[in-house]
Amino acid sequence: EGRLRARLTETEESLQKRLKHAQEDLNAIAAEPQLFDHVIINDTVDQAYEDFKAAIADELQAFKHSKQ
């Protein structure tokens, strides 16, 4: 939340909406861990980017295998 507020790009209403949706996603993951194929936590940009690349690579590999 602090990072979003510091950017000064959100109205209070849009910020609350984003936070509500984020909490809903976290609750959904807690209730059903297999709901998403990949979960990327954007705490640090570099780590989130590496996690994103790994997720894309996994999906591409699975797609290639499904076409064989």
N, C-alpha and C. Protein backbone atom coordinates (compact mmCIF):
# COMPACT_ATOMS: atom_id res chain seq x y z
N GLU A 1 0.83 -1.19 0.00
CA GLU A 1 0.00 0.00 0.00
C GLU A 1 0.87 1.26 0.00
N GLY A 2 1.93 1.22 0.79
CA GLY A 2 2.81 2.39 0.87
C GLY A 2 3.42 2.75 -0.46
N ARG A 3 3.81 1.74 -1.21
CA ARG A 3 4.42 1.96 -2.52
C ARG A 3 3.42 2.62 -3.46
N LEU A 4 2.17 2.14 -3.44
CA LEU A 4 1.14 2.74 -4.29
C LEU A 4 0.85 4.19 -3.88
N ARG A 5 0.77 4.42 -2.59
CA ARG A 5 0.50 5.79 -2.12
C ARG A 5 1.65 6.73 -2.50
N ALA A 6 2.88 6.24 -2.41
CA ALA A 6 4.05 7.07 -2.71
C ALA A 6 4.11 7.47 -4.18
N ARG A 7 3.54 6.64 -5.05
CA ARG A 7 3.56 6.95 -6.48
C ARG A 7 2.67 8.14 -6.82
N LEU A 8 1.67 8.39 -5.97
CA LEU A 8 0.74 9.50 -6.19
C LEU A 8 0.00 9.40 -7.52
N THR A 9 -0.31 8.18 -7.94
CA THR A 9 -1.02 7.97 -9.20
C THR A 9 -2.44 7.48 -8.99
N GLU A 10 -2.83 7.24 -7.75
CA GLU A 10 -4.13 6.66 -7.45
C GLU A 10 -4.97 7.65 -6.65
N THR A 11 -6.26 7.67 -6.94
CA THR A 11 -7.18 8.36 -6.03
C THR A 11 -7.39 7.43 -4.84
N GLU A 12 -7.91 7.98 -3.76
CA GLU A 12 -8.18 7.13 -2.60
C GLU A 12 -9.17 6.03 -2.96
N GLU A 13 -10.14 6.36 -3.78
CA GLU A 13 -11.14 5.37 -4.20
C GLU A 13 -10.51 4.25 -5.03
N SER A 14 -9.67 4.60 -5.99
CA SER A 14 -9.05 3.57 -6.82
C SER A 14 -8.05 2.74 -6.01
N LEU A 15 -7.37 3.39 -5.07
CA LEU A 15 -6.44 2.67 -4.20
C LEU A 15 -7.19 1.65 -3.35
N GLN A 16 -8.29 2.05 -2.75
CA GLN A 16 -9.08 1.13 -1.94
C GLN A 16 -9.62 -0.03 -2.77
N LYS A 17 -10.00 0.26 -4.00
CA LYS A 17 -10.50 -0.79 -4.90
C LYS A 17 -9.39 -1.80 -5.21
N ARG A 18 -8.19 -1.30 -5.51
CA ARG A 18 -7.06 -2.19 -5.79
C ARG A 18 -6.70 -3.04 -4.57
N LEU A 19 -6.68 -2.41 -3.40
CA LEU A 19 -6.36 -3.15 -2.18
C LEU A 19 -7.42 -4.21 -1.88
N LYS A 20 -8.67 -3.89 -2.11
CA LYS A 20 -9.75 -4.84 -1.90
C LYS A 20 -9.58 -6.05 -2.82
N HIS A 21 -9.27 -5.80 -4.09
CA HIS A 21 -9.09 -6.91 -5.04
C HIS A 21 -7.86 -7.74 -4.69
N ALA A 22 -6.81 -7.08 -4.25
CA ALA A 22 -5.60 -7.81 -3.85
C ALA A 22 -5.91 -8.71 -2.65
N GLN A 23 -6.66 -8.20 -1.69
CA GLN A 23 -7.03 -9.01 -0.52
C GLN A 23 -7.91 -10.18 -0.94
N GLU A 24 -8.82 -9.95 -1.87
CA GLU A 24 -9.67 -11.05 -2.38
C GLU A 24 -8.81 -12.13 -3.03
N ASP A 25 -7.81 -11.72 -3.82
CA ASP A 25 -6.91 -12.70 -4.45
C ASP A 25 -6.14 -13.48 -3.39
N LEU A 26 -5.61 -12.79 -2.38
CA LEU A 26 -4.88 -13.47 -1.32
C LEU A 26 -5.77 -14.45 -0.57
N ASN A 27 -7.01 -14.06 -0.31
CA ASN A 27 -7.96 -14.95 0.36
C ASN A 27 -8.27 -16.17 -0.50
N ALA A 28 -8.42 -15.96 -1.81
CA ALA A 28 -8.70 -17.06 -2.73
C ALA A 28 -7.54 -18.05 -2.76
N ILE A 29 -6.33 -17.53 -2.78
CA ILE A 29 -5.14 -18.40 -2.78
C ILE A 29 -5.06 -19.20 -1.48
N ALA A 30 -5.35 -18.53 -0.37
CA ALA A 30 -5.31 -19.22 0.92
C ALA A 30 -6.36 -20.33 0.98
N ALA A 31 -7.52 -20.07 0.41
CA ALA A 31 -8.61 -21.06 0.44
C ALA A 31 -8.39 -22.19 -0.55
N GLU A 32 -7.78 -21.86 -1.69
CA GLU A 32 -7.57 -22.86 -2.74
C GLU A 32 -6.20 -22.63 -3.38
N PRO A 33 -5.14 -23.18 -2.79
CA PRO A 33 -3.77 -22.89 -3.25
C PRO A 33 -3.51 -23.21 -4.72
N GLN A 34 -4.26 -24.12 -5.30
CA GLN A 34 -4.02 -24.48 -6.70
C GLN A 34 -4.82 -23.62 -7.68
N LEU A 35 -5.46 -22.58 -7.20
CA LEU A 35 -6.31 -21.73 -8.03
C LEU A 35 -5.53 -21.09 -9.17
N PHE A 36 -4.33 -20.61 -8.87
CA PHE A 36 -3.49 -19.98 -9.87
C PHE A 36 -2.30 -20.88 -10.17
N ASP A 37 -1.87 -20.89 -11.43
CA ASP A 37 -0.69 -21.67 -11.80
C ASP A 37 0.57 -21.06 -11.21
N HIS A 38 0.62 -19.74 -11.15
CA HIS A 38 1.80 -19.04 -10.65
C HIS A 38 1.35 -17.85 -9.81
N VAL A 39 2.06 -17.58 -8.75
CA VAL A 39 1.80 -16.40 -7.93
C VAL A 39 3.10 -15.62 -7.85
N ILE A 40 3.05 -14.37 -8.27
CA ILE A 40 4.23 -13.52 -8.25
C ILE A 40 3.99 -12.39 -7.26
N ILE A 41 4.85 -12.31 -6.27
CA ILE A 41 4.77 -11.27 -5.26
C ILE A 41 5.72 -10.15 -5.68
N ASN A 42 5.17 -8.98 -5.89
CA ASN A 42 5.96 -7.86 -6.40
C ASN A 42 6.53 -7.02 -5.26
N ASP A 43 7.33 -7.65 -4.40
CA ASP A 43 8.00 -6.91 -3.33
C ASP A 43 9.24 -6.20 -3.86
N THR A 44 10.00 -6.89 -4.71
CA THR A 44 11.16 -6.28 -5.35
C THR A 44 11.04 -6.52 -6.84
N VAL A 45 11.28 -5.50 -7.60
CA VAL A 45 11.10 -5.57 -9.05
C VAL A 45 11.96 -6.67 -9.67
N ASP A 46 13.21 -6.74 -9.29
CA ASP A 46 14.11 -7.74 -9.88
C ASP A 46 13.62 -9.16 -9.64
N GLN A 47 13.22 -9.45 -8.41
CA GLN A 47 12.75 -10.80 -8.09
C GLN A 47 11.42 -11.09 -8.79
N ALA A 48 10.52 -10.12 -8.81
CA ALA A 48 9.24 -10.30 -9.49
C ALA A 48 9.45 -10.56 -10.98
N TYR A 49 10.39 -9.85 -11.58
CA TYR A 49 10.69 -10.05 -12.99
C TYR A 49 11.25 -11.44 -13.24
N GLU A 50 12.15 -11.90 -12.38
CA GLU A 50 12.71 -13.25 -12.53
C GLU A 50 11.60 -14.30 -12.36
N ASP A 51 10.72 -14.10 -11.40
CA ASP A 51 9.60 -15.01 -11.18
C ASP A 51 8.67 -15.02 -12.39
N PHE A 52 8.43 -13.84 -12.97
CA PHE A 52 7.59 -13.73 -14.15
C PHE A 52 8.21 -14.48 -15.33
N LYS A 53 9.50 -14.29 -15.56
CA LYS A 53 10.17 -15.00 -16.66
C LYS A 53 10.10 -16.50 -16.47
N ALA A 54 10.29 -16.96 -15.24
CA ALA A 54 10.21 -18.39 -14.97
C ALA A 54 8.80 -18.92 -15.21
N ALA A 55 7.80 -18.15 -14.84
CA ALA A 55 6.41 -18.57 -15.05
C ALA A 55 6.11 -18.67 -16.54
N ILE A 56 6.56 -17.70 -17.31
CA ILE A 56 6.34 -17.72 -18.76
C ILE A 56 7.06 -18.91 -19.38
N ALA A 57 8.28 -19.16 -18.95
CA ALA A 57 9.04 -20.30 -19.47
C ALA A 57 8.32 -21.61 -19.16
N ASP A 58 7.80 -21.74 -17.95
CA ASP A 58 7.03 -22.94 -17.58
C ASP A 58 5.82 -23.11 -18.48
N GLU A 59 5.09 -22.02 -18.70
CA GLU A 59 3.89 -22.09 -19.53
C GLU A 59 4.23 -22.42 -20.97
N LEU A 60 5.29 -21.85 -21.50
CA LEU A 60 5.69 -22.16 -22.87
C LEU A 60 6.11 -23.62 -23.00
N GLN A 61 6.82 -24.12 -22.02
CA GLN A 61 7.23 -25.52 -22.04
C GLN A 61 6.00 -26.45 -22.00
N ALA A 62 5.05 -26.13 -21.15
CA ALA A 62 3.82 -26.93 -21.06
C ALA A 62 3.04 -26.87 -22.37
N PHE A 63 2.99 -25.71 -22.99
CA PHE A 63 2.29 -25.55 -24.26
C PHE A 63 2.96 -26.38 -25.34
N LYS A 64 4.29 -26.34 -25.41
CA LYS A 64 5.01 -27.13 -26.40
C LYS A 64 4.74 -28.61 -26.24
N HIS A 65 4.72 -29.10 -25.00
CA HIS A 65 4.46 -30.50 -24.73
C HIS A 65 3.02 -30.90 -25.08
N SER A 66 2.11 -29.95 -24.93
CA SER A 66 0.70 -30.26 -25.23
C SER A 66 0.46 -30.37 -26.73
N LYS A 67 1.33 -29.79 -27.54
CA LYS A 67 1.18 -29.80 -28.99
C LYS A 67 1.86 -31.03 -29.62
N GLN A 68 2.56 -31.81 -28.81
CA GLN A 68 3.27 -32.97 -29.37
C GLN A 68 2.40 -34.18 -29.42
